[in-house]
Amino acid sequence: MMFIKLEWKQMLRSRWMQMVGLLFTFVFTTIVVIQQMALPDAQGFSRQTASFLNLLLFLLPLFILTIGSMSVASDIESRWLSLLKTYPLTMRHYVIGKFIATVLAFLLIVAVAFSVVLLLGGFLGGVSLPPVFIGITLLSILIFASLSIVIGVLAKTRLYALALALVVWSIFLLLISYGLMALGTVIAGHMLQKITVVVIHLNPVEWLRFGYLLFAEQASVLGPSYFDLISFYQTLAGKLTYTLVTALWISVPLVLARFVVARKGKEA
């Protein structure tokens, strides 16, 4: 518990983290001001909600992956992790402590950003954040905090961690989507549909986006081609499957991180 508290305080004192908090809050409030004044109120999956979701799934993974991975890599580079190994602190506790500290730090940032958005929205006619959106935000923090830990333990330096985090972010946010568009020009539509379904499960960004559309009952925007997929995930078995896959996205990177840290300790 003391280790988690120490790591959390260090992350909050980081100027990187403070800049991220300011930027995240500023961008969210800017979207509220522009769209609340320029667009009429809309029910359901409005442009404002779509902008919030796109911003969330674009910026938040970038911030979490870079800052979280550099925090772990910094411990390795500065030999702080080697010192911690001399204390009664297991590598499992170290990984979990880093994960919890990262999650708490970004939860605080998101809470401040959402509070400012709701406060400002009250003066502009009212802005609501759907509970599903808040839930997906929490899941995104958990998933990408977990991924940031394994990236950090794989890297030897902070610069290497930053580069690796940017590569992972680019793959999830950009390269996979561009690859699917390129495949769509050379393969049949039904094959592309099957590949897209697989990609939804293997790409955490698309998995979270699909989860929002599913639980907000807006999955119809995916089109009739994915009717069978949507129908399955609307059942109890489908919701349990979504929970299981999400849990795997959170737990598997942490298990891998613990394994890598333990192996590095033996090699040292």
Protein backbone atom coordinates (compact mmCIF):
# COMPACT_ATOMS: atom_id res chain seq x y z
CA MET A 1 0.00 0.00 0.00
CA MET A 2 2.85 2.38 0.80
CA PHE A 3 4.49 1.58 -2.53
CA ILE A 4 1.28 2.39 -4.42
CA LYS A 5 0.92 5.68 -2.54
CA LEU A 6 4.54 6.61 -3.28
CA GLU A 7 4.22 5.81 -6.99
CA TRP A 8 0.94 7.70 -7.25
CA LYS A 9 2.42 10.81 -5.69
CA GLN A 10 5.44 10.65 -7.99
CA MET A 11 3.23 10.41 -11.05
CA LEU A 12 1.09 13.35 -9.97
CA ARG A 13 4.21 15.46 -9.36
CA SER A 14 5.47 14.71 -12.85
CA ARG A 15 5.29 17.70 -15.18
CA TRP A 16 4.38 15.33 -18.01
CA MET A 17 1.33 14.22 -16.08
CA GLN A 18 0.35 17.79 -15.22
CA MET A 19 0.64 18.84 -18.87
CA VAL A 20 -1.45 15.85 -19.92
CA GLY A 21 -4.15 16.80 -17.43
CA LEU A 22 -4.29 20.37 -18.69
CA LEU A 23 -4.32 19.32 -22.35
CA PHE A 24 -6.99 16.67 -21.82
CA THR A 25 -9.23 19.10 -19.92
CA PHE A 26 -8.69 21.88 -22.45
CA VAL A 27 -9.55 19.73 -25.47
CA PHE A 28 -12.67 18.30 -23.85
CA THR A 29 -13.99 21.70 -22.83
CA THR A 30 -13.20 23.12 -26.26
CA ILE A 31 -15.34 20.44 -27.89
CA VAL A 32 -18.16 21.24 -25.50
CA VAL A 33 -18.04 24.97 -26.22
CA ILE A 34 -17.84 24.60 -29.99
CA GLN A 35 -20.46 21.92 -30.41
CA GLN A 36 -22.85 23.18 -27.75
CA MET A 37 -22.94 26.60 -29.40
CA ALA A 38 -22.87 25.45 -33.02
CA LEU A 39 -24.99 22.29 -32.99
CA PRO A 40 -28.55 21.66 -31.83
CA ASP A 41 -29.31 19.16 -29.11
CA ALA A 42 -29.44 15.62 -30.39
CA GLN A 43 -30.57 12.41 -28.83
CA GLY A 44 -28.73 9.13 -29.03
CA PHE A 45 -25.35 8.92 -30.70
CA SER A 46 -24.88 12.66 -31.29
CA ARG A 47 -21.89 14.41 -32.84
CA GLN A 48 -20.85 15.56 -29.42
CA THR A 49 -20.83 12.03 -28.06
CA ALA A 50 -18.97 10.80 -31.14
CA SER A 51 -16.36 13.55 -30.68
CA PHE A 52 -15.92 12.67 -27.01
CA LEU A 53 -15.52 8.98 -27.87
CA ASN A 54 -13.04 9.60 -30.70
CA LEU A 55 -11.01 11.96 -28.54
CA LEU A 56 -11.03 9.53 -25.66
CA LEU A 57 -9.86 6.60 -27.80
CA PHE A 58 -7.25 8.72 -29.56
CA LEU A 59 -5.56 10.77 -26.82
CA LEU A 60 -6.06 8.71 -23.67
CA PRO A 61 -4.27 5.57 -24.96
CA LEU A 62 -1.39 7.75 -26.18
CA PHE A 63 -0.96 9.44 -22.81
CA ILE A 64 -1.31 6.27 -20.77
CA LEU A 65 1.03 4.18 -22.92
CA THR A 66 3.80 6.79 -23.00
CA ILE A 67 3.70 7.99 -19.39
CA GLY A 68 3.02 4.57 -17.87
CA SER A 69 5.76 2.82 -19.84
CA MET A 70 8.34 5.55 -19.19
CA SER A 71 7.57 5.37 -15.47
CA VAL A 72 8.46 1.68 -15.40
CA ALA A 73 11.45 2.08 -17.73
CA SER A 74 12.74 4.87 -15.53
CA ASP A 75 12.86 2.47 -12.59
CA ILE A 76 14.90 0.04 -14.66
CA GLU A 77 17.22 2.69 -16.11
CA SER A 78 17.91 4.38 -12.76
CA ARG A 79 18.42 1.03 -10.98
CA TRP A 80 15.55 1.87 -8.64
CA LEU A 81 13.98 -1.48 -9.49
CA SER A 82 17.21 -3.27 -8.54
CA LEU A 83 17.11 -1.50 -5.18
CA LEU A 84 13.46 -2.45 -4.68
CA LYS A 85 14.40 -6.09 -5.18
CA THR A 86 16.46 -5.92 -2.01
CA TYR A 87 13.33 -5.06 -0.05
CA PRO A 88 10.53 -7.48 0.88
CA LEU A 89 8.64 -6.53 -2.28
CA THR A 90 7.83 -9.24 -4.79
CA MET A 91 7.79 -8.50 -8.50
CA ARG A 92 4.09 -9.33 -8.56
CA HIS A 93 3.46 -6.59 -6.01
CA TYR A 94 5.68 -4.21 -7.99
CA VAL A 95 3.74 -4.78 -11.22
CA ILE A 96 0.38 -4.51 -9.50
CA GLY A 97 1.49 -1.42 -7.59
CA LYS A 98 2.64 0.32 -10.77
CA PHE A 99 -0.61 -0.63 -12.48
CA ILE A 100 -2.81 0.68 -9.66
CA ALA A 101 -0.80 3.91 -9.37
CA THR A 102 -1.11 4.55 -13.11
CA VAL A 103 -4.83 3.84 -13.06
CA LEU A 104 -5.44 6.14 -10.08
CA ALA A 105 -3.42 8.96 -11.64
CA PHE A 106 -5.36 8.89 -14.90
CA LEU A 107 -8.66 8.44 -13.10
CA LEU A 108 -7.93 11.72 -11.34
CA ILE A 109 -7.15 13.45 -14.64
CA VAL A 110 -10.32 12.15 -16.27
CA ALA A 111 -12.41 13.06 -13.22
CA VAL A 112 -11.11 16.65 -13.32
CA ALA A 113 -11.73 16.88 -17.09
CA PHE A 114 -15.27 15.51 -16.80
CA SER A 115 -16.04 17.82 -13.87
CA VAL A 116 -14.95 20.88 -15.82
CA VAL A 117 -16.95 19.71 -18.85
CA LEU A 118 -20.11 19.23 -16.79
CA LEU A 119 -19.63 22.52 -14.95
CA LEU A 120 -19.06 24.47 -18.14
CA GLY A 121 -21.86 22.61 -19.86
CA GLY A 122 -24.24 23.78 -17.16
CA PHE A 123 -23.68 27.37 -18.24
CA LEU A 124 -24.15 26.50 -21.92
CA GLY A 125 -27.48 24.71 -21.66
CA GLY A 126 -26.52 21.41 -20.10
CA VAL A 127 -24.14 18.64 -21.13
CA SER A 128 -24.57 15.04 -20.10
CA LEU A 129 -22.04 12.24 -20.07
CA PRO A 130 -23.78 8.88 -20.59
CA PRO A 131 -22.96 6.24 -17.95
CA VAL A 132 -21.80 3.94 -20.75
CA PHE A 133 -19.25 6.55 -21.81
CA ILE A 134 -17.92 6.79 -18.27
CA GLY A 135 -17.73 3.00 -18.08
CA ILE A 136 -15.80 2.75 -21.35
CA THR A 137 -13.45 5.46 -20.08
CA LEU A 138 -12.70 3.37 -17.00
CA LEU A 139 -12.11 0.26 -19.11
CA SER A 140 -9.78 2.15 -21.44
CA ILE A 141 -7.70 3.31 -18.48
CA LEU A 142 -7.49 -0.23 -17.10
CA ILE A 143 -6.56 -1.83 -20.43
CA PHE A 144 -3.96 0.69 -21.55
CA ALA A 145 -2.44 1.03 -18.09
CA SER A 146 -1.91 -2.72 -18.18
CA LEU A 147 -0.33 -2.50 -21.65
CA SER A 148 1.90 0.38 -20.55
CA ILE A 149 3.37 -1.75 -17.76
CA VAL A 150 4.44 -4.55 -20.10
CA ILE A 151 5.88 -2.02 -22.58
CA GLY A 152 7.87 -0.45 -19.76
CA VAL A 153 9.39 -3.73 -18.56
CA LEU A 154 10.32 -4.70 -22.12
CA ALA A 155 12.19 -1.42 -22.58
CA LYS A 156 15.59 -0.74 -21.06
CA THR A 157 15.48 3.06 -21.17
CA ARG A 158 12.85 5.79 -21.09
CA LEU A 159 13.59 6.74 -24.68
CA TYR A 160 13.15 3.15 -25.79
CA ALA A 161 9.89 2.94 -23.82
CA LEU A 162 8.61 6.13 -25.47
CA ALA A 163 9.44 4.83 -28.93
CA LEU A 164 7.88 1.43 -28.23
CA ALA A 165 4.74 3.03 -26.80
CA LEU A 166 4.34 5.22 -29.89
CA VAL A 167 4.75 2.17 -32.14
CA VAL A 168 2.08 0.24 -30.22
CA TRP A 169 -0.23 3.25 -30.26
CA SER A 170 0.29 3.73 -34.01
CA ILE A 171 -0.49 0.08 -34.69
CA PHE A 172 -3.72 0.12 -32.69
CA LEU A 173 -4.94 3.55 -33.81
CA LEU A 174 -3.66 3.88 -37.37
CA LEU A 175 -1.90 0.97 -39.05
CA ILE A 176 -4.53 -1.68 -38.44
CA SER A 177 -7.28 0.57 -39.84
CA TYR A 178 -5.21 1.48 -42.88
CA GLY A 179 -4.36 -2.18 -43.38
CA LEU A 180 -8.05 -3.12 -43.38
CA MET A 181 -8.79 -0.42 -45.95
CA ALA A 182 -5.97 -1.71 -48.13
CA LEU A 183 -7.22 -5.30 -47.80
CA GLY A 184 -10.68 -4.15 -48.82
CA THR A 185 -9.36 -3.33 -52.28
CA VAL A 186 -8.01 -6.81 -52.98
CA ILE A 187 -10.23 -9.32 -51.14
CA ALA A 188 -13.93 -10.14 -51.20
CA GLY A 189 -16.34 -8.31 -48.94
CA HIS A 190 -17.32 -11.36 -46.89
CA MET A 191 -13.66 -12.12 -46.17
CA LEU A 192 -13.05 -8.54 -45.14
CA GLN A 193 -16.03 -8.74 -42.79
CA LYS A 194 -14.60 -11.82 -41.05
CA ILE A 195 -11.20 -10.21 -40.71
CA THR A 196 -12.82 -7.08 -39.29
CA VAL A 197 -14.60 -9.14 -36.63
CA VAL A 198 -11.28 -10.70 -35.63
CA VAL A 199 -9.61 -7.28 -35.55
CA ILE A 200 -12.35 -5.93 -33.27
CA HIS A 201 -11.38 -8.55 -30.70
CA LEU A 202 -7.61 -8.16 -31.13
CA ASN A 203 -7.48 -4.37 -31.17
CA PRO A 204 -8.34 -2.87 -27.76
CA VAL A 205 -9.29 0.48 -29.32
CA GLU A 206 -11.87 -1.08 -31.63
CA TRP A 207 -12.96 -3.40 -28.83
CA LEU A 208 -13.77 -0.43 -26.60
CA ARG A 209 -15.48 1.43 -29.45
CA PHE A 210 -17.58 -1.65 -30.18
CA GLY A 211 -18.40 -1.95 -26.49
CA TYR A 212 -19.65 1.61 -26.33
CA LEU A 213 -21.88 1.18 -29.40
CA LEU A 214 -23.13 -2.13 -28.04
CA PHE A 215 -24.03 -1.06 -24.51
CA ALA A 216 -25.32 2.34 -25.62
CA GLU A 217 -27.66 0.44 -27.97
CA GLN A 218 -26.22 2.25 -30.97
CA ALA A 219 -24.60 -0.77 -32.63
CA SER A 220 -26.90 -0.36 -35.63
CA VAL A 221 -24.43 2.24 -36.95
CA LEU A 222 -22.15 -0.69 -37.85
CA GLY A 223 -24.60 -1.70 -40.57
CA PRO A 224 -26.56 -4.86 -41.38
CA SER A 225 -23.40 -6.82 -42.25
CA TYR A 226 -22.63 -7.20 -38.55
CA PHE A 227 -26.15 -8.13 -37.46
CA ASP A 228 -25.12 -11.62 -36.29
CA LEU A 229 -22.21 -10.24 -34.26
CA ILE A 230 -24.40 -7.60 -32.64
CA SER A 231 -27.18 -10.08 -31.93
CA PHE A 232 -24.77 -12.43 -30.16
CA TYR A 233 -23.26 -9.74 -27.95
CA GLN A 234 -26.70 -8.51 -26.96
CA THR A 235 -27.41 -11.87 -25.32
CA LEU A 236 -26.30 -12.87 -21.83
CA ALA A 237 -23.64 -15.17 -23.27
CA GLY A 238 -22.38 -12.33 -25.42
CA LYS A 239 -22.14 -9.93 -22.47
CA LEU A 240 -20.25 -12.55 -20.49
CA THR A 241 -17.93 -13.01 -23.47
CA TYR A 242 -17.33 -9.27 -23.64
CA THR A 243 -16.51 -9.25 -19.93
CA LEU A 244 -14.11 -12.18 -20.35
CA VAL A 245 -12.26 -10.68 -23.32
CA THR A 246 -11.95 -7.35 -21.51
CA ALA A 247 -10.60 -9.10 -18.41
CA LEU A 248 -8.03 -10.87 -20.58
CA TRP A 249 -6.93 -7.55 -22.10
CA ILE A 250 -6.28 -6.29 -18.56
CA SER A 251 -4.78 -9.38 -16.94
CA VAL A 252 -2.63 -10.94 -19.69
CA PRO A 253 -0.26 -7.94 -20.08
CA LEU A 254 0.18 -7.80 -16.29
CA VAL A 255 1.03 -11.50 -16.14
CA LEU A 256 3.49 -11.06 -19.01
CA ALA A 257 5.04 -8.01 -17.32
CA ARG A 258 5.53 -9.93 -14.09
CA PHE A 259 7.17 -12.79 -16.02
CA VAL A 260 9.55 -10.44 -17.88
CA VAL A 261 10.55 -8.59 -14.70
CA ALA A 262 11.22 -11.86 -12.90
CA ARG A 263 13.31 -13.15 -15.80
CA LYS A 264 15.35 -9.94 -15.95
CA GLY A 265 16.01 -10.31 -12.24
CA LYS A 266 17.41 -13.81 -12.74
CA GLU A 267 19.57 -12.67 -15.68
CA ALA A 268 20.93 -9.81 -13.60
